[in-house]
PDB file of N, CA and C in Angstrom:
ATOM      1  N   MET A   1      52.075 -40.284  17.313  1.00  0.00           N
ATOM      2  CA  MET A   1      51.266 -41.374  17.826  1.00  0.00           C
ATOM      3  C   MET A   1      50.030 -41.530  16.945  1.00  0.00           C
ATOM      4  N   GLY A   2      49.661 -42.768  16.637  1.00  0.00           N
ATOM      5  CA  GLY A   2      48.528 -43.056  15.768  1.00  0.00           C
ATOM      6  C   GLY A   2      47.211 -43.079  16.515  1.00  0.00           C
ATOM      7  N   LYS A   3      46.180 -43.477  15.819  1.00  0.00           N
ATOM      8  CA  LYS A   3      44.836 -43.559  16.396  1.00  0.00           C
ATOM      9  C   LYS A   3      44.713 -44.787  17.281  1.00  0.00           C
ATOM     10  N   ASN A   4      43.986 -44.631  18.381  1.00  0.00           N
ATOM     11  CA  ASN A   4      43.683 -45.784  19.211  1.00  0.00           C
ATOM     12  C   ASN A   4      42.795 -46.737  18.428  1.00  0.00           C
ATOM     13  N   GLN A   5      42.996 -48.033  18.628  1.00  0.00           N
ATOM     14  CA  GLN A   5      42.251 -49.066  17.921  1.00  0.00           C
ATOM     15  C   GLN A   5      41.205 -49.663  18.857  1.00  0.00           C
ATOM     16  N   HIS A   6      39.953 -49.605  18.455  1.00  0.00           N
ATOM     17  CA  HIS A   6      38.861 -50.114  19.275  1.00  0.00           C
ATOM     18  C   HIS A   6      38.375 -51.458  18.727  1.00  0.00           C
ATOM     19  N   VAL A   7      38.207 -52.430  19.611  1.00  0.00           N
ATOM     20  CA  VAL A   7      37.666 -53.743  19.266  1.00  0.00           C
ATOM     21  C   VAL A   7      36.225 -53.767  19.768  1.00  0.00           C
ATOM     22  N   THR A   8      35.265 -53.848  18.829  1.00  0.00           N
ATOM     23  CA  THR A   8      33.841 -53.815  19.175  1.00  0.00           C
ATOM     24  C   THR A   8      33.065 -54.838  18.357  1.00  0.00           C
ATOM     25  N   LYS A   9      31.830 -55.102  18.784  1.00  0.00           N
ATOM     26  CA  LYS A   9      30.941 -55.983  18.014  1.00  0.00           C
ATOM     27  C   LYS A   9      30.618 -55.306  16.689  1.00  0.00           C
ATOM     28  N   HIS A  10      30.518 -56.088  15.635  1.00  0.00           N
ATOM     29  CA  HIS A  10      30.133 -55.576  14.320  1.00  0.00           C
ATOM     30  C   HIS A  10      28.670 -55.895  14.096  1.00  0.00           C
ATOM     31  N   THR A  11      27.998 -55.082  13.298  1.00  0.00           N
ATOM     32  CA  THR A  11      26.570 -55.284  13.065  1.00  0.00           C
ATOM     33  C   THR A  11      26.270 -56.616  12.384  1.00  0.00           C
ATOM     34  N   SER A  12      27.244 -57.187  11.684  1.00  0.00           N
ATOM     35  CA  SER A  12      27.032 -58.472  11.000  1.00  0.00           C
ATOM     36  C   SER A  12      27.142 -59.667  11.946  1.00  0.00           C
ATOM     37  N   GLY A  13      27.496 -59.407  13.197  1.00  0.00           N
ATOM     38  CA  GLY A  13      27.608 -60.499  14.162  1.00  0.00           C
ATOM     39  C   GLY A  13      29.031 -60.836  14.528  1.00  0.00           C
ATOM     40  N   GLY A  14      30.006 -60.391  13.753  1.00  0.00           N
ATOM     41  CA  GLY A  14      31.404 -60.648  14.075  1.00  0.00           C
ATOM     42  C   GLY A  14      31.963 -59.544  14.966  1.00  0.00           C
ATOM     43  N   TRP A  15      33.265 -59.390  14.926  1.00  0.00           N
ATOM     44  CA  TRP A  15      33.963 -58.356  15.693  1.00  0.00           C
ATOM     45  C   TRP A  15      34.745 -57.487  14.729  1.00  0.00           C
ATOM     46  N   GLN A  16      34.914 -56.213  15.081  1.00  0.00           N
ATOM     47  CA  GLN A  16      35.615 -55.285  14.206  1.00  0.00           C
ATOM     48  C   GLN A  16      36.726 -54.553  14.937  1.00  0.00           C
ATOM     49  N   VAL A  17      37.713 -54.133  14.159  1.00  0.00           N
ATOM     50  CA  VAL A  17      38.764 -53.236  14.629  1.00  0.00           C
ATOM     51  C   VAL A  17      38.505 -51.913  13.935  1.00  0.00           C
ATOM     52  N   LYS A  18      38.419 -50.861  14.726  1.00  0.00           N
ATOM     53  CA  LYS A  18      38.096 -49.549  14.162  1.00  0.00           C
ATOM     54  C   LYS A  18      38.996 -48.507  14.803  1.00  0.00           C
ATOM     55  N   GLY A  19      39.665 -47.700  13.975  1.00  0.00           N
ATOM     56  CA  GLY A  19      40.481 -46.607  14.484  1.00  0.00           C
ATOM     57  C   GLY A  19      39.593 -45.542  15.095  1.00  0.00           C
ATOM     58  N   ALA A  20      40.068 -44.882  16.148  1.00  0.00           N
ATOM     59  CA  ALA A  20      39.290 -43.837  16.816  1.00  0.00           C
ATOM     60  C   ALA A  20      38.891 -42.758  15.818  1.00  0.00           C
ATOM     61  N   GLY A  21      37.602 -42.451  15.778  1.00  0.00           N
ATOM     62  CA  GLY A  21      37.105 -41.416  14.887  1.00  0.00           C
ATOM     63  C   GLY A  21      36.755 -41.894  13.487  1.00  0.00           C
ATOM     64  N   ASN A  22      37.123 -43.110  13.139  1.00  0.00           N
ATOM     65  CA  ASN A  22      36.809 -43.644  11.813  1.00  0.00           C
ATOM     66  C   ASN A  22      35.360 -44.106  11.755  1.00  0.00           C
ATOM     67  N   GLU A  23      34.751 -43.962  10.583  1.00  0.00           N
ATOM     68  CA  GLU A  23      33.384 -44.458  10.416  1.00  0.00           C
ATOM     69  C   GLU A  23      33.362 -45.923   9.990  1.00  0.00           C
ATOM     70  N   LYS A  24      34.336 -46.318   9.179  1.00  0.00           N
ATOM     71  CA  LYS A  24      34.393 -47.698   8.687  1.00  0.00           C
ATOM     72  C   LYS A  24      35.388 -48.519   9.493  1.00  0.00           C
ATOM     73  N   ALA A  25      35.086 -49.808   9.599  1.00  0.00           N
ATOM     74  CA  ALA A  25      35.987 -50.733  10.290  1.00  0.00           C
ATOM     75  C   ALA A  25      37.244 -50.963   9.463  1.00  0.00           C
ATOM     76  N   THR A  26      38.368 -51.061  10.144  1.00  0.00           N
ATOM     77  CA  THR A  26      39.625 -51.398   9.491  1.00  0.00           C
ATOM     78  C   THR A  26      39.628 -52.866   9.107  1.00  0.00           C
ATOM     79  N   LYS A  27      39.064 -53.696  10.005  1.00  0.00           N
ATOM     80  CA  LYS A  27      39.034 -55.144   9.771  1.00  0.00           C
ATOM     81  C   LYS A  27      37.828 -55.730  10.488  1.00  0.00           C
ATOM     82  N   VAL A  28      37.176 -56.705   9.859  1.00  0.00           N
ATOM     83  CA  VAL A  28      36.061 -57.430  10.466  1.00  0.00           C
ATOM     84  C   VAL A  28      36.419 -58.913  10.466  1.00  0.00           C
ATOM     85  N   VAL A  29      36.297 -59.550  11.645  1.00  0.00           N
ATOM     86  CA  VAL A  29      36.651 -60.963  11.798  1.00  0.00           C
ATOM     87  C   VAL A  29      35.543 -61.679  12.573  1.00  0.00           C
ATOM     88  N   ASP A  30      35.677 -62.988  12.710  1.00  0.00           N
ATOM     89  CA  ASP A  30      34.642 -63.801  13.355  1.00  0.00           C
ATOM     90  C   ASP A  30      34.663 -63.738  14.881  1.00  0.00           C
ATOM     91  N   THR A  31      35.874 -63.704  15.473  1.00  0.00           N
ATOM     92  CA  THR A  31      35.975 -63.783  16.931  1.00  0.00           C
ATOM     93  C   THR A  31      36.638 -62.540  17.524  1.00  0.00           C
ATOM     94  N   GLN A  32      36.370 -62.310  18.802  1.00  0.00           N
ATOM     95  CA  GLN A  32      36.988 -61.180  19.492  1.00  0.00           C
ATOM     96  C   GLN A  32      38.500 -61.398  19.600  1.00  0.00           C
ATOM     97  N   LYS A  33      38.918 -62.630  19.789  1.00  0.00           N
ATOM     98  CA  LYS A  33      40.351 -62.935  19.897  1.00  0.00           C
ATOM     99  C   LYS A  33      41.093 -62.531  18.620  1.00  0.00           C
ATOM    100  N   GLN A  34      40.513 -62.825  17.463  1.00  0.00           N
ATOM    101  CA  GLN A  34      41.117 -62.432  16.188  1.00  0.00           C
ATOM    102  C   GLN A  34      41.174 -60.912  16.067  1.00  0.00           C
ATOM    103  N   ALA A  35      40.121 -60.239  16.504  1.00  0.00           N
ATOM    104  CA  ALA A  35      40.076 -58.780  16.428  1.00  0.00           C
ATOM    105  C   ALA A  35      41.131 -58.152  17.339  1.00  0.00           C
ATOM    106  N   ILE A  36      41.302 -58.711  18.529  1.00  0.00           N
ATOM    107  CA  ILE A  36      42.312 -58.197  19.459  1.00  0.00           C
ATOM    108  C   ILE A  36      43.703 -58.363  18.871  1.00  0.00           C
ATOM    109  N   SER A  37      43.961 -59.508  18.248  1.00  0.00           N
ATOM    110  CA  SER A  37      45.261 -59.760  17.618  1.00  0.00           C
ATOM    111  C   SER A  37      45.539 -58.750  16.503  1.00  0.00           C
ATOM    112  N   ALA A  38      44.553 -58.504  15.650  1.00  0.00           N
ATOM    113  CA  ALA A  38      44.714 -57.544  14.554  1.00  0.00           C
ATOM    114  C   ALA A  38      44.908 -56.130  15.093  1.00  0.00           C
ATOM    115  N   ALA A  39      44.122 -55.758  16.105  1.00  0.00           N
ATOM    116  CA  ALA A  39      44.226 -54.426  16.698  1.00  0.00           C
ATOM    117  C   ALA A  39      45.589 -54.222  17.361  1.00  0.00           C
ATOM    118  N   THR A  40      46.117 -55.270  17.985  1.00  0.00           N
ATOM    119  CA  THR A  40      47.416 -55.190  18.637  1.00  0.00           C
ATOM    120  C   THR A  40      48.524 -54.924  17.622  1.00  0.00           C
ATOM    121  N   GLN A  41      48.479 -55.609  16.478  1.00  0.00           N
ATOM    122  CA  GLN A  41      49.481 -55.386  15.435  1.00  0.00           C
ATOM    123  C   GLN A  41      49.436 -53.944  14.937  1.00  0.00           C
ATOM    124  N   ILE A  42      48.241 -53.440  14.698  1.00  0.00           N
ATOM    125  CA  ILE A  42      48.088 -52.068  14.216  1.00  0.00           C
ATOM    126  C   ILE A  42      48.591 -51.078  15.266  1.00  0.00           C
ATOM    127  N   ALA A  43      48.213 -51.296  16.530  1.00  0.00           N
ATOM    128  CA  ALA A  43      48.612 -50.393  17.610  1.00  0.00           C
ATOM    129  C   ALA A  43      50.125 -50.393  17.809  1.00  0.00           C
ATOM    130  N   ARG A  44      50.761 -51.538  17.667  1.00  0.00           N
ATOM    131  CA  ARG A  44      52.229 -51.590  17.780  1.00  0.00           C
ATOM    132  C   ARG A  44      52.882 -50.780  16.662  1.00  0.00           C
ATOM    133  N   ASN A  45      52.365 -50.909  15.438  1.00  0.00           N
ATOM    134  CA  ASN A  45      52.916 -50.155  14.314  1.00  0.00           C
ATOM    135  C   ASN A  45      52.713 -48.658  14.479  1.00  0.00           C
ATOM    136  N   GLN A  46      51.567 -48.261  15.015  1.00  0.00           N
ATOM    137  CA  GLN A  46      51.231 -46.846  15.150  1.00  0.00           C
ATOM    138  C   GLN A  46      51.606 -46.273  16.515  1.00  0.00           C
ATOM    139  N   LYS A  47      52.128 -47.117  17.394  1.00  0.00           N
ATOM    140  CA  LYS A  47      52.457 -46.709  18.757  1.00  0.00           C
ATOM    141  C   LYS A  47      51.247 -46.057  19.429  1.00  0.00           C
ATOM    142  N   SER A  48      50.156 -46.814  19.462  1.00  0.00           N
ATOM    143  CA  SER A  48      48.905 -46.315  20.031  1.00  0.00           C
ATOM    144  C   SER A  48      48.351 -47.316  21.043  1.00  0.00           C
ATOM    145  N   GLU A  49      47.075 -47.242  21.307  1.00  0.00           N
ATOM    146  CA  GLU A  49      46.449 -48.059  22.342  1.00  0.00           C
ATOM    147  C   GLU A  49      45.351 -48.940  21.750  1.00  0.00           C
ATOM    148  N   VAL A  50      45.167 -50.128  22.342  1.00  0.00           N
ATOM    149  CA  VAL A  50      44.062 -51.013  21.990  1.00  0.00           C
ATOM    150  C   VAL A  50      43.010 -50.879  23.093  1.00  0.00           C
ATOM    151  N   VAL A  51      41.775 -50.594  22.695  1.00  0.00           N
ATOM    152  CA  VAL A  51      40.667 -50.476  23.636  1.00  0.00           C
ATOM    153  C   VAL A  51      39.693 -51.603  23.303  1.00  0.00           C
ATOM    154  N   ILE A  52      39.508 -52.522  24.238  1.00  0.00           N
ATOM    155  CA  ILE A  52      38.667 -53.701  24.016  1.00  0.00           C
ATOM    156  C   ILE A  52      37.315 -53.477  24.688  1.00  0.00           C
ATOM    157  N   HIS A  53      36.270 -53.576  23.887  1.00  0.00           N
ATOM    158  CA  HIS A  53      34.908 -53.422  24.386  1.00  0.00           C
ATOM    159  C   HIS A  53      34.266 -54.805  24.499  1.00  0.00           C
ATOM    160  N   GLY A  54      33.409 -54.978  25.495  1.00  0.00           N
ATOM    161  CA  GLY A  54      32.670 -56.229  25.652  1.00  0.00           C
ATOM    162  C   GLY A  54      31.458 -56.246  24.736  1.00  0.00           C
ATOM    163  N   ARG A  55      30.682 -57.305  24.817  1.00  0.00           N
ATOM    164  CA  ARG A  55      29.472 -57.432  23.990  1.00  0.00           C
ATOM    165  C   ARG A  55      28.481 -56.303  24.240  1.00  0.00           C
ATOM    166  N   ASP A  56      28.483 -55.777  25.477  1.00  0.00           N
ATOM    167  CA  ASP A  56      27.551 -54.704  25.831  1.00  0.00           C
ATOM    168  C   ASP A  56      28.056 -53.320  25.430  1.00  0.00           C
ATOM    169  N   GLY A  57      29.257 -53.247  24.864  1.00  0.00           N
ATOM    170  CA  GLY A  57      29.810 -51.975  24.417  1.00  0.00           C
ATOM    171  C   GLY A  57      30.670 -51.270  25.450  1.00  0.00           C
ATOM    172  N   GLN A  58      30.638 -51.732  26.695  1.00  0.00           N
ATOM    173  CA  GLN A  58      31.441 -51.120  27.751  1.00  0.00           C
ATOM    174  C   GLN A  58      32.910 -51.504  27.578  1.00  0.00           C
ATOM    175  N   ILE A  59      33.802 -50.572  27.929  1.00  0.00           N
ATOM    176  CA  ILE A  59      35.243 -50.853  27.844  1.00  0.00           C
ATOM    177  C   ILE A  59      35.585 -51.932  28.860  1.00  0.00           C
ATOM    178  N   ARG A  60      36.225 -52.978  28.362  1.00  0.00           N
ATOM    179  CA  ARG A  60      36.575 -54.127  29.192  1.00  0.00           C
ATOM    180  C   ARG A  60      38.042 -54.098  29.581  1.00  0.00           C
ATOM    181  N   ASP A  61      38.895 -53.586  28.659  1.00  0.00           N
ATOM    182  CA  ASP A  61      40.331 -53.627  28.882  1.00  0.00           C
ATOM    183  C   ASP A  61      41.018 -52.645  27.943  1.00  0.00           C
ATOM    184  N   LYS A  62      42.253 -52.255  28.290  1.00  0.00           N
ATOM    185  CA  LYS A  62      43.075 -51.385  27.442  1.00  0.00           C
ATOM    186  C   LYS A  62      44.515 -51.864  27.513  1.00  0.00           C
ATOM    187  N   ASP A  63      45.218 -51.726  26.413  1.00  0.00           N
ATOM    188  CA  ASP A  63      46.647 -52.004  26.361  1.00  0.00           C
ATOM    189  C   ASP A  63      47.319 -50.910  25.552  1.00  0.00           C
ATOM    190  N   SER A  64      48.399 -50.348  26.096  1.00  0.00           N
ATOM    191  CA  SER A  64      49.111 -49.263  25.428  1.00  0.00           C
ATOM    192  C   SER A  64      50.389 -49.798  24.782  1.00  0.00           C
ATOM    193  N   TYR A  65      50.625 -49.399  23.540  1.00  0.00           N
ATOM    194  CA  TYR A  65      51.835 -49.807  22.821  1.00  0.00           C
ATOM    195  C   TYR A  65      52.637 -48.599  22.385  1.00  0.00           C
ATOM    196  N   GLY A  66      52.333 -47.447  22.955  1.00  0.00           N
ATOM    197  CA  GLY A  66      53.035 -46.216  22.611  1.00  0.00           C
ATOM    198  C   GLY A  66      54.115 -45.902  23.615  1.00  0.00           C
ATOM    199  N   ASN A  67      54.627 -44.690  23.526  1.00  0.00           N
ATOM    200  CA  ASN A  67      55.659 -44.218  24.435  1.00  0.00           C
ATOM    201  C   ASN A  67      54.967 -43.488  25.575  1.00  0.00           C
ATOM    202  N   ASP A  68      54.631 -44.201  26.633  1.00  0.00           N
ATOM    203  CA  ASP A  68      53.922 -43.625  27.772  1.00  0.00           C
ATOM    204  C   ASP A  68      54.945 -43.082  28.773  1.00  0.00           C
ATOM    205  N   PRO A  69      54.966 -41.763  29.018  1.00  0.00           N
ATOM    206  CA  PRO A  69      55.955 -41.194  29.929  1.00  0.00           C
ATOM    207  C   PRO A  69      55.732 -41.585  31.392  1.00  0.00           C
ATOM    208  N   ASN A  70      54.524 -42.027  31.728  1.00  0.00           N
ATOM    209  CA  ASN A  70      54.211 -42.420  33.093  1.00  0.00           C
ATOM    210  C   ASN A  70      53.436 -43.747  33.059  1.00  0.00           C
ATOM    211  N   PRO A  71      54.112 -44.839  32.712  1.00  0.00           N
ATOM    212  CA  PRO A  71      53.398 -46.107  32.550  1.00  0.00           C
ATOM    213  C   PRO A  71      52.893 -46.663  33.866  1.00  0.00           C
ATOM    214  N   PRO A  72      51.687 -47.217  33.872  1.00  0.00           N
ATOM    215  CA  PRO A  72      51.185 -47.881  35.082  1.00  0.00           C
ATOM    216  C   PRO A  72      51.836 -49.243  35.229  1.00  0.00           C
ATOM    217  N   ARG A  73      51.745 -49.788  36.416  1.00  0.00           N
ATOM    218  CA  ARG A  73      52.250 -51.149  36.610  1.00  0.00           C
ATOM    219  C   ARG A  73      51.310 -52.106  35.910  1.00  0.00           C
ATOM    220  N   ASP A  74      51.839 -52.887  35.015  1.00  0.00           N
ATOM    221  CA  ASP A  74      51.022 -53.826  34.237  1.00  0.00           C
ATOM    222  C   ASP A  74      51.001 -55.164  34.955  1.00  0.00           C
ATOM    223  N   THR A  75      49.869 -55.506  35.534  1.00  0.00           N
ATOM    224  CA  THR A  75      49.764 -56.762  36.267  1.00  0.00           C
ATOM    225  C   THR A  75      49.278 -57.915  35.400  1.00  0.00           C
ATOM    226  N   LYS A  76      48.894 -57.607  34.126  1.00  0.00           N
ATOM    227  CA  LYS A  76      48.374 -58.652  33.244  1.00  0.00           C
ATOM    228  C   LYS A  76      49.487 -59.412  32.541  1.00  0.00           C
ATOM    229  N   HIS A  77      50.608 -58.770  32.284  1.00  0.00           N
ATOM    230  CA  HIS A  77      51.650 -59.404  31.452  1.00  0.00           C
ATOM    231  C   HIS A  77      52.904 -59.584  32.243  1.00  0.00           C
TER     232      HIS A  77
END
């Protein structure tokens, strides 16, 4: 299983995708929607999780793309 991908605000004003534990952003884009899309592709390839943070830095949402032995009921999709 790969690193979880975090979608957070970037210091330049855009949004970034950053692997858990990484110091540098994997990708920096203009909108949160673009960052979520990029993070989702990476998480699917690595069989990991996307963690979406709001503007305040708090976790807003999570989506798992790995092999979860005890998956929760997904009411969003």
